[in-house]
Amino acid sequence: MTEALAENIKTEIDLANRRLAANDLSGAFKHLERAHVLGQSSTYQHTRIHWRMFKLALRMRSVREIWGQIIRIIGASTKTPLGIYPTGNTGGADVWFLKPMPFPDDLQEMLNNKH
């Protein structure tokens, strides 16, 4: 992972933290989804972003999201090292965890510039 891509992930997490501080849980989750798309090829990033999604799900009191994130934390930590992850997937429990999804244009640009 390049320094630029890691910085883009950090930016999305920082934006999520700002939304949390403003008690905008939905907005915070959207930024974590964007961080997930950017970081899912890295076991470390992928797992830590799902951990943050899990903590947010607890705060949201969403049983579906809590269970979804538990499954995704296990998958991110065990499958990502093997290169098994669905590209573009936003990482929330509202989408099947193995479903590839198209990249938003701005995130695709960041991924294109990672080298």
Protein backbone atom coordinates (compact mmCIF):
# COMPACT_ATOMS: atom_id res chain seq x y z
CA MET A 1 0.00 0.00 0.00
CA THR A 2 1.35 3.38 -0.94
CA GLU A 3 1.64 6.31 1.40
CA ALA A 4 -0.87 8.25 -0.73
CA LEU A 5 -3.50 5.52 -0.48
CA ALA A 6 -2.93 5.15 3.26
CA GLU A 7 -3.39 8.93 3.56
CA ASN A 8 -6.69 8.74 1.62
CA ILE A 9 -7.91 6.04 4.03
CA LYS A 10 -6.83 8.16 6.99
CA THR A 11 -8.74 11.12 5.54
CA GLU A 12 -11.95 9.07 5.29
CA ILE A 13 -11.52 7.81 8.86
CA ASP A 14 -10.89 11.37 10.07
CA LEU A 15 -14.07 12.49 8.28
CA ALA A 16 -15.95 9.62 9.94
CA ASN A 17 -14.63 10.76 13.32
CA ARG A 18 -15.84 14.30 12.64
CA ARG A 19 -19.31 12.99 11.77
CA LEU A 20 -19.27 10.94 15.00
CA ALA A 21 -18.38 14.04 16.99
CA ALA A 22 -21.41 15.73 15.41
CA ASN A 23 -23.53 12.64 16.28
CA ASP A 24 -24.11 11.98 12.57
CA LEU A 25 -23.84 8.19 12.75
CA SER A 26 -25.08 7.59 9.22
CA GLY A 27 -22.61 10.10 7.79
CA ALA A 28 -19.80 8.49 9.79
CA PHE A 29 -20.71 5.07 8.43
CA LYS A 30 -20.62 6.38 4.84
CA HIS A 31 -17.04 7.55 5.34
CA LEU A 32 -16.08 4.19 6.82
CA GLU A 33 -17.60 2.52 3.76
CA ARG A 34 -15.40 4.71 1.55
CA ALA A 35 -12.35 3.83 3.67
CA HIS A 36 -13.32 0.17 3.31
CA VAL A 37 -13.37 0.36 -0.49
CA LEU A 38 -9.91 1.92 -0.45
CA GLY A 39 -8.38 -0.38 2.15
CA GLN A 40 -9.85 -3.79 1.55
CA SER A 41 -6.78 -5.18 -0.25
CA SER A 42 -4.72 -4.70 2.95
CA THR A 43 -5.42 -7.16 5.75
CA TYR A 44 -4.54 -4.55 8.36
CA GLN A 45 -6.67 -1.78 6.87
CA HIS A 46 -9.54 -4.09 5.96
CA THR A 47 -9.77 -5.57 9.46
CA ARG A 48 -9.36 -2.27 11.32
CA ILE A 49 -12.04 -0.58 9.22
CA HIS A 50 -14.48 -3.42 9.96
CA TRP A 51 -13.58 -3.05 13.65
CA ARG A 52 -14.52 0.63 13.44
CA MET A 53 -17.75 -0.30 11.64
CA PHE A 54 -18.47 -2.77 14.44
CA LYS A 55 -17.95 -0.13 17.14
CA LEU A 56 -20.20 2.26 15.22
CA ALA A 57 -22.84 -0.48 14.83
CA LEU A 58 -22.83 -0.86 18.62
CA ARG A 59 -23.38 2.87 18.98
CA MET A 60 -26.18 2.70 16.39
CA ARG A 61 -27.70 -0.25 18.29
CA SER A 62 -28.13 -2.11 15.00
CA VAL A 63 -28.21 -5.84 15.72
CA ARG A 64 -28.03 -6.64 12.00
CA GLU A 65 -24.95 -4.46 11.53
CA ILE A 66 -23.29 -5.76 14.70
CA TRP A 67 -23.59 -9.39 13.54
CA GLY A 68 -22.66 -8.42 10.00
CA GLN A 69 -19.49 -6.76 11.20
CA ILE A 70 -18.51 -9.71 13.40
CA ILE A 71 -18.69 -11.96 10.33
CA ARG A 72 -16.80 -9.40 8.25
CA ILE A 73 -14.03 -8.96 10.85
CA ILE A 74 -13.45 -12.72 10.78
CA GLY A 75 -13.50 -12.73 6.97
CA ALA A 76 -11.25 -9.69 6.61
CA SER A 77 -8.64 -11.10 8.95
CA THR A 78 -8.63 -14.60 7.44
CA LYS A 79 -9.53 -14.19 3.76
CA THR A 80 -7.80 -10.93 2.81
CA PRO A 81 -4.30 -12.42 3.26
CA LEU A 82 -5.32 -15.01 0.66
CA GLY A 83 -6.51 -12.30 -1.74
CA ILE A 84 -10.17 -13.19 -1.21
CA TYR A 85 -12.31 -10.07 -0.98
CA PRO A 86 -14.97 -8.57 -3.27
CA THR A 87 -13.57 -5.43 -4.89
CA GLY A 88 -15.61 -2.30 -4.45
CA ASN A 89 -17.81 -3.80 -1.74
CA THR A 90 -18.73 -1.13 0.80
CA GLY A 91 -18.47 -3.46 3.79
CA GLY A 92 -21.83 -2.85 5.45
CA ALA A 93 -24.32 -5.53 6.42
CA ASP A 94 -26.75 -4.09 3.85
CA VAL A 95 -24.79 -5.82 1.05
CA TRP A 96 -23.77 -9.46 0.66
CA PHE A 97 -20.19 -9.73 1.91
CA LEU A 98 -18.96 -11.49 -1.23
CA LYS A 99 -20.64 -9.15 -3.74
CA PRO A 100 -18.25 -7.15 -5.92
CA MET A 101 -19.46 -3.61 -6.53
CA PRO A 102 -18.45 -0.81 -8.89
CA PHE A 103 -16.03 1.75 -7.50
CA PRO A 104 -17.23 5.34 -7.11
CA ASP A 105 -15.34 7.44 -9.67
CA ASP A 106 -13.37 9.46 -7.11
CA LEU A 107 -12.26 6.34 -5.23
CA GLN A 108 -11.31 4.61 -8.48
CA GLU A 109 -9.07 7.59 -9.25
CA MET A 110 -7.39 7.25 -5.84
CA LEU A 111 -6.86 3.54 -6.44
CA ASN A 112 -5.50 4.19 -9.93
CA ASN A 113 -2.94 6.58 -8.45
CA LYS A 114 -1.74 4.23 -5.72
CA HIS A 115 1.40 3.25 -7.64
